[in-house]
C-alpha atoms as a PDB file:
ATOM      1  CA  UNK A   1      21.259  23.007  -2.473  1.00  0.00           C
ATOM      2  CA  UNK A   2      19.363  25.921  -3.927  1.00  0.00           C
ATOM      3  CA  UNK A   3      18.721  24.332  -7.363  1.00  0.00           C
ATOM      4  CA  UNK A   4      17.127  21.185  -5.574  1.00  0.00           C
ATOM      5  CA  UNK A   5      14.661  23.628  -3.814  1.00  0.00           C
ATOM      6  CA  UNK A   6      14.077  25.288  -7.000  1.00  0.00           C
ATOM      7  CA  UNK A   7      13.007  21.896  -8.593  1.00  0.00           C
ATOM      8  CA  UNK A   8      10.889  21.010  -5.609  1.00  0.00           C
ATOM      9  CA  UNK A   9       9.034  24.337  -5.563  1.00  0.00           C
ATOM     10  CA  UNK A  10       8.661  24.240  -9.272  1.00  0.00           C
ATOM     11  CA  UNK A  11       7.225  20.780  -9.250  1.00  0.00           C
ATOM     12  CA  UNK A  12       4.736  21.976  -6.508  1.00  0.00           C
ATOM     13  CA  UNK A  13       3.642  24.917  -8.720  1.00  0.00           C
ATOM     14  CA  UNK A  14       3.279  22.847 -11.804  1.00  0.00           C
ATOM     15  CA  UNK A  15       1.111  20.336  -9.996  1.00  0.00           C
ATOM     16  CA  UNK A  16      -0.917  23.047  -8.486  1.00  0.00           C
ATOM     17  CA  UNK A  17      -1.353  24.675 -11.875  1.00  0.00           C
ATOM     18  CA  UNK A  18      -2.438  21.399 -13.493  1.00  0.00           C
ATOM     19  CA  UNK A  19      -5.130  20.936 -10.715  1.00  0.00           C
ATOM     20  CA  UNK A  20      -6.337  24.448 -10.980  1.00  0.00           C
ATOM     21  CA  UNK A  21      -6.930  24.137 -14.825  1.00  0.00           C
ATOM     22  CA  UNK A  22      -8.175  20.531 -14.827  1.00  0.00           C
ATOM     23  CA  UNK A  23     -11.803  20.281 -15.839  1.00  0.00           C
ATOM     24  CA  UNK A  24     -11.860  23.623 -17.625  1.00  0.00           C
ATOM     25  CA  UNK A  25     -12.797  23.336 -21.318  1.00  0.00           C
ATOM     26  CA  UNK A  26      -9.509  23.099 -23.425  1.00  0.00           C
ATOM     27  CA  UNK A  27     -10.755  26.043 -25.591  1.00  0.00           C
ATOM     28  CA  UNK A  28     -10.159  28.399 -22.588  1.00  0.00           C
ATOM     29  CA  UNK A  29      -7.027  30.153 -21.565  1.00  0.00           C
ATOM     30  CA  UNK A  30      -5.108  28.862 -18.547  1.00  0.00           C
ATOM     31  CA  UNK A  31      -5.358  32.282 -16.723  1.00  0.00           C
ATOM     32  CA  UNK A  32      -9.201  32.101 -16.679  1.00  0.00           C
ATOM     33  CA  UNK A  33      -8.634  29.496 -13.788  1.00  0.00           C
ATOM     34  CA  UNK A  34      -7.383  32.511 -11.667  1.00  0.00           C
ATOM     35  CA  UNK A  35     -10.274  34.784 -12.199  1.00  0.00           C
ATOM     36  CA  UNK A  36     -11.948  35.467  -8.949  1.00  0.00           C
ATOM     37  CA  UNK A  37     -14.950  33.174  -8.439  1.00  0.00           C
ATOM     38  CA  UNK A  38     -13.328  30.431 -10.505  1.00  0.00           C
ATOM     39  CA  UNK A  39     -13.371  26.927  -8.726  1.00  0.00           C
ATOM     40  CA  UNK A  40      -9.611  27.045  -8.129  1.00  0.00           C
ATOM     41  CA  UNK A  41      -8.624  30.652  -8.365  1.00  0.00           C
ATOM     42  CA  UNK A  42      -6.761  30.632  -5.166  1.00  0.00           C
ATOM     43  CA  UNK A  43      -4.764  27.522  -6.114  1.00  0.00           C
ATOM     44  CA  UNK A  44      -3.945  29.103  -9.379  1.00  0.00           C
ATOM     45  CA  UNK A  45      -2.687  32.297  -7.792  1.00  0.00           C
ATOM     46  CA  UNK A  46      -0.617  30.090  -5.251  1.00  0.00           C
ATOM     47  CA  UNK A  47       0.783  27.982  -8.001  1.00  0.00           C
ATOM     48  CA  UNK A  48       1.980  30.930  -9.913  1.00  0.00           C
ATOM     49  CA  UNK A  49       3.685  32.365  -6.880  1.00  0.00           C
ATOM     50  CA  UNK A  50       5.400  28.974  -6.411  1.00  0.00           C
ATOM     51  CA  UNK A  51       6.626  28.887 -10.131  1.00  0.00           C
ATOM     52  CA  UNK A  52       7.971  32.456  -9.689  1.00  0.00           C
ATOM     53  CA  UNK A  53       9.878  31.458  -6.517  1.00  0.00           C
ATOM     54  CA  UNK A  54      11.200  28.440  -8.362  1.00  0.00           C
ATOM     55  CA  UNK A  55      12.542  30.702 -11.183  1.00  0.00           C
ATOM     56  CA  UNK A  56      14.035  33.082  -8.651  1.00  0.00           C
ATOM     57  CA  UNK A  57      15.865  30.311  -6.927  1.00  0.00           C
ATOM     58  CA  UNK A  58      17.079  28.886 -10.294  1.00  0.00           C
ATOM     59  CA  UNK A  59      18.403  32.342 -11.215  1.00  0.00           C
ATOM     60  CA  UNK A  60      20.899  32.198  -8.284  1.00  0.00           C
ATOM     61  CA  UNK A  61      22.556  29.057  -9.521  1.00  0.00           C
ATOM     62  CA  UNK A  62      26.005  29.855 -11.070  1.00  0.00           C
ATOM     63  CA  UNK A  63      25.717  30.173 -14.712  1.00  0.00           C
ATOM     64  CA  UNK A  64      26.079  33.060 -17.315  1.00  0.00           C
ATOM     65  CA  UNK A  65      25.017  36.401 -15.880  1.00  0.00           C
ATOM     66  CA  UNK A  66      22.657  36.961 -18.872  1.00  0.00           C
ATOM     67  CA  UNK A  67      20.940  33.695 -18.420  1.00  0.00           C
ATOM     68  CA  UNK A  68      20.469  34.371 -14.721  1.00  0.00           C
ATOM     69  CA  UNK A  69      19.096  37.761 -15.571  1.00  0.00           C
ATOM     70  CA  UNK A  70      16.702  36.279 -18.058  1.00  0.00           C
ATOM     71  CA  UNK A  71      15.311  33.839 -15.505  1.00  0.00           C
ATOM     72  CA  UNK A  72      15.403  36.314 -12.685  1.00  0.00           C
ATOM     73  CA  UNK A  73      13.197  38.730 -14.844  1.00  0.00           C
ATOM     74  CA  UNK A  74      10.995  35.845 -15.833  1.00  0.00           C
ATOM     75  CA  UNK A  75      10.497  35.195 -12.178  1.00  0.00           C
ATOM     76  CA  UNK A  76       9.308  38.796 -11.503  1.00  0.00           C
ATOM     77  CA  UNK A  77       6.895  38.704 -14.366  1.00  0.00           C
ATOM     78  CA  UNK A  78       5.528  35.370 -13.167  1.00  0.00           C
ATOM     79  CA  UNK A  79       4.776  37.207  -9.802  1.00  0.00           C
ATOM     80  CA  UNK A  80       2.881  39.756 -11.698  1.00  0.00           C
ATOM     81  CA  UNK A  81       0.810  37.229 -13.471  1.00  0.00           C
ATOM     82  CA  UNK A  82       0.029  35.744 -10.164  1.00  0.00           C
ATOM     83  CA  UNK A  83      -0.895  39.135  -8.480  1.00  0.00           C
ATOM     84  CA  UNK A  84      -2.803  40.581 -11.426  1.00  0.00           C
ATOM     85  CA  UNK A  85      -5.767  38.381 -12.485  1.00  0.00           C
ATOM     86  CA  UNK A  86      -7.348  38.767 -15.963  1.00  0.00           C
ATOM     87  CA  UNK A  87     -11.101  39.833 -16.112  1.00  0.00           C
ATOM     88  CA  UNK A  88     -13.583  37.033 -16.767  1.00  0.00           C
ATOM     89  CA  UNK A  89     -12.834  35.421 -20.065  1.00  0.00           C
ATOM     90  CA  UNK A  90      -9.356  36.837 -20.232  1.00  0.00           C
ATOM     91  CA  UNK A  91      -9.903  38.668 -23.364  1.00  0.00           C
ATOM     92  CA  UNK A  92      -6.952  39.173 -25.434  1.00  0.00           C
ATOM     93  CA  UNK A  93      -6.180  41.140 -28.757  1.00  0.00           C
ATOM     94  CA  UNK A  94      -6.236  41.184 -31.637  1.00  0.00           C
ATOM     95  CA  UNK A  95      -9.848  39.293 -31.600  1.00  0.00           C
ATOM     96  CA  UNK A  96     -10.977  40.652 -28.381  1.00  0.00           C
ATOM     97  CA  UNK A  97     -11.013  43.889 -26.368  1.00  0.00           C
ATOM     98  CA  UNK A  98      -9.037  43.433 -23.102  1.00  0.00           C
ATOM     99  CA  UNK A  99      -9.141  45.738 -20.050  1.00  0.00           C
ATOM    100  CA  UNK A 100      -5.967  47.175 -18.531  1.00  0.00           C
ATOM    101  CA  UNK A 101      -5.669  44.367 -16.086  1.00  0.00           C
ATOM    102  CA  UNK A 102      -5.780  41.819 -18.896  1.00  0.00           C
ATOM    103  CA  UNK A 103      -2.830  43.524 -20.759  1.00  0.00           C
ATOM    104  CA  UNK A 104      -0.815  43.709 -17.487  1.00  0.00           C
ATOM    105  CA  UNK A 105      -1.550  39.972 -16.803  1.00  0.00           C
ATOM    106  CA  UNK A 106      -0.880  38.828 -20.429  1.00  0.00           C
ATOM    107  CA  UNK A 107       2.414  40.777 -20.545  1.00  0.00           C
ATOM    108  CA  UNK A 108       3.486  39.195 -17.302  1.00  0.00           C
ATOM    109  CA  UNK A 109       2.600  35.777 -18.694  1.00  0.00           C
ATOM    110  CA  UNK A 110       3.943  36.223 -22.321  1.00  0.00           C
ATOM    111  CA  UNK A 111       7.039  37.917 -20.917  1.00  0.00           C
ATOM    112  CA  UNK A 112       8.003  35.213 -18.424  1.00  0.00           C
ATOM    113  CA  UNK A 113       7.655  32.418 -21.015  1.00  0.00           C
ATOM    114  CA  UNK A 114       9.644  34.488 -23.583  1.00  0.00           C
ATOM    115  CA  UNK A 115      12.335  35.237 -21.218  1.00  0.00           C
ATOM    116  CA  UNK A 116      12.646  31.350 -20.345  1.00  0.00           C
ATOM    117  CA  UNK A 117      12.759  30.835 -24.089  1.00  0.00           C
ATOM    118  CA  UNK A 118      15.549  33.247 -24.439  1.00  0.00           C
ATOM    119  CA  UNK A 119      17.419  31.702 -21.504  1.00  0.00           C
ATOM    120  CA  UNK A 120      17.240  28.266 -23.219  1.00  0.00           C
ATOM    121  CA  UNK A 121      18.637  29.710 -26.458  1.00  0.00           C
ATOM    122  CA  UNK A 122      21.470  31.347 -24.621  1.00  0.00           C
ATOM    123  CA  UNK A 123      22.342  28.312 -22.610  1.00  0.00           C
ATOM    124  CA  UNK A 124      22.369  26.278 -25.854  1.00  0.00           C
ATOM    125  CA  UNK A 125      24.470  28.674 -28.067  1.00  0.00           C
ATOM    126  CA  UNK A 126      27.050  30.410 -25.727  1.00  0.00           C
ATOM    127  CA  UNK A 127      30.195  28.411 -25.243  1.00  0.00           C
ATOM    128  CA  UNK A 128      30.786  29.947 -21.844  1.00  0.00           C
ATOM    129  CA  UNK A 129      27.551  28.333 -20.578  1.00  0.00           C
ATOM    130  CA  UNK A 130      29.326  25.038 -19.817  1.00  0.00           C
ATOM    131  CA  UNK A 131      28.543  21.521 -20.865  1.00  0.00           C
ATOM    132  CA  UNK A 132      25.544  20.989 -18.554  1.00  0.00           C
ATOM    133  CA  UNK A 133      23.750  24.207 -19.411  1.00  0.00           C
ATOM    134  CA  UNK A 134      24.423  23.777 -23.169  1.00  0.00           C
ATOM    135  CA  UNK A 135      22.727  20.374 -23.007  1.00  0.00           C
ATOM    136  CA  UNK A 136      19.893  21.671 -20.847  1.00  0.00           C
ATOM    137  CA  UNK A 137      19.424  24.661 -23.355  1.00  0.00           C
ATOM    138  CA  UNK A 138      19.217  22.172 -26.284  1.00  0.00           C
ATOM    139  CA  UNK A 139      16.649  20.062 -24.655  1.00  0.00           C
ATOM    140  CA  UNK A 140      14.742  23.023 -23.778  1.00  0.00           C
ATOM    141  CA  UNK A 141      14.711  24.240 -27.316  1.00  0.00           C
ATOM    142  CA  UNK A 142      13.694  20.828 -28.707  1.00  0.00           C
ATOM    143  CA  UNK A 143      10.801  20.432 -26.121  1.00  0.00           C
ATOM    144  CA  UNK A 144       9.534  23.872 -25.521  1.00  0.00           C
ATOM    145  CA  UNK A 145      10.022  25.906 -28.734  1.00  0.00           C
ATOM    146  CA  UNK A 146       7.429  23.901 -30.930  1.00  0.00           C
ATOM    147  CA  UNK A 147       4.443  24.417 -28.386  1.00  0.00           C
ATOM    148  CA  UNK A 148       5.682  28.006 -27.639  1.00  0.00           C
ATOM    149  CA  UNK A 149       5.570  28.968 -31.406  1.00  0.00           C
ATOM    150  CA  UNK A 150       2.347  27.245 -31.783  1.00  0.00           C
ATOM    151  CA  UNK A 151       0.663  28.954 -28.800  1.00  0.00           C
ATOM    152  CA  UNK A 152       1.897  32.441 -30.087  1.00  0.00           C
ATOM    153  CA  UNK A 153       0.528  31.679 -33.573  1.00  0.00           C
ATOM    154  CA  UNK A 154      -2.645  30.466 -32.145  1.00  0.00           C
ATOM    155  CA  UNK A 155      -3.267  33.809 -30.143  1.00  0.00           C
ATOM    156  CA  UNK A 156      -2.242  35.887 -33.144  1.00  0.00           C
ATOM    157  CA  UNK A 157      -3.858  34.144 -35.974  1.00  0.00           C
ATOM    158  CA  UNK A 158      -6.687  32.120 -34.514  1.00  0.00           C
ATOM    159  CA  UNK A 159      -7.727  33.669 -31.204  1.00  0.00           C
ATOM    160  CA  UNK A 160      -9.647  31.687 -28.599  1.00  0.00           C
ATOM    161  CA  UNK A 161      -9.829  28.276 -29.835  1.00  0.00           C
ATOM    162  CA  UNK A 162      -9.269  24.490 -29.031  1.00  0.00           C
ATOM    163  CA  UNK A 163      -5.912  24.894 -30.971  1.00  0.00           C
ATOM    164  CA  UNK A 164      -4.689  27.961 -29.010  1.00  0.00           C
ATOM    165  CA  UNK A 165      -5.928  26.422 -25.595  1.00  0.00           C
ATOM    166  CA  UNK A 166      -3.953  23.056 -26.216  1.00  0.00           C
ATOM    167  CA  UNK A 167      -0.986  24.833 -27.508  1.00  0.00           C
ATOM    168  CA  UNK A 168      -0.840  27.055 -24.368  1.00  0.00           C
ATOM    169  CA  UNK A 169      -1.185  24.345 -21.894  1.00  0.00           C
ATOM    170  CA  UNK A 170       1.708  22.363 -23.851  1.00  0.00           C
ATOM    171  CA  UNK A 171       3.784  25.349 -23.863  1.00  0.00           C
ATOM    172  CA  UNK A 172       3.457  25.937 -20.128  1.00  0.00           C
ATOM    173  CA  UNK A 173       3.990  22.190 -19.476  1.00  0.00           C
ATOM    174  CA  UNK A 174       7.295  22.257 -21.463  1.00  0.00           C
ATOM    175  CA  UNK A 175       8.735  25.420 -19.887  1.00  0.00           C
ATOM    176  CA  UNK A 176       7.762  24.157 -16.366  1.00  0.00           C
ATOM    177  CA  UNK A 177       9.402  20.689 -17.199  1.00  0.00           C
ATOM    178  CA  UNK A 178      12.544  22.535 -18.351  1.00  0.00           C
ATOM    179  CA  UNK A 179      12.666  24.646 -15.195  1.00  0.00           C
ATOM    180  CA  UNK A 180      12.313  21.513 -12.948  1.00  0.00           C
ATOM    181  CA  UNK A 181      14.730  19.362 -15.044  1.00  0.00           C
ATOM    182  CA  UNK A 182      17.388  22.093 -15.102  1.00  0.00           C
ATOM    183  CA  UNK A 183      17.158  22.724 -11.361  1.00  0.00           C
ATOM    184  CA  UNK A 184      17.106  19.188 -10.362  1.00  0.00           C
ATOM    185  CA  UNK A 185      20.041  17.945 -12.704  1.00  0.00           C
ATOM    186  CA  UNK A 186      22.325  20.822 -11.913  1.00  0.00           C
ATOM    187  CA  UNK A 187      25.719  19.029 -11.104  1.00  0.00           C
ATOM    188  CA  UNK A 188      26.691  19.395  -7.371  1.00  0.00           C
ATOM    189  CA  UNK A 189      30.091  20.275  -8.613  1.00  0.00           C
ATOM    190  CA  UNK A 190      28.769  23.074 -10.644  1.00  0.00           C
ATOM    191  CA  UNK A 191      31.114  26.083 -10.422  1.00  0.00           C
ATOM    192  CA  UNK A 192      30.908  29.606 -11.527  1.00  0.00           C
ATOM    193  CA  UNK A 193      32.189  30.292 -14.947  1.00  0.00           C
ATOM    194  CA  UNK A 194      35.815  31.484 -15.422  1.00  0.00           C
ATOM    195  CA  UNK A 195      36.358  35.227 -15.154  1.00  0.00           C
ATOM    196  CA  UNK A 196      35.683  37.113 -18.118  1.00  0.00           C
ATOM    197  CA  UNK A 197      33.025  34.427 -19.413  1.00  0.00           C
ATOM    198  CA  UNK A 198      30.222  36.106 -17.560  1.00  0.00           C
END
């Protein structure tokens, strides 16, 4: 089943990303592990590709078209994040001066996380999503929204810091956990929504 493959690939990507950032100071951005010359730059890129594939597979699971579109676009943006690395230090506005590649990389990363958050919200609130997806969406909101909000606040209000680095790692872990959980727990009897509900 495709959803099971999405869970396996997502778990591999998450594990690889965890190894890639292990040992780096918590005050750094996760993306700094993908800068050429970093100890695990190749592993970081490969892990991001795996996470993008996982999202793409999850997007094919029968559910609301709007949710599938969000997850599918998140997969594409995660792929951009894997393919376009940031410059050393991964400078981000408003406290640092980024290069064009930094903006492309950051847009991919932030966009992918934001679209996953939107998918959780849609799953949780749209009646046509079905019982399983409503529950998955509510779990996602409960687990992922707090660190996502803290991470965004850290980037905008604090800049590079221990607070921002930890919040970013927690946000990534929470979103990855939601993707893996949602993929692994999809009921085998899950059927497409009734006509008109998509």
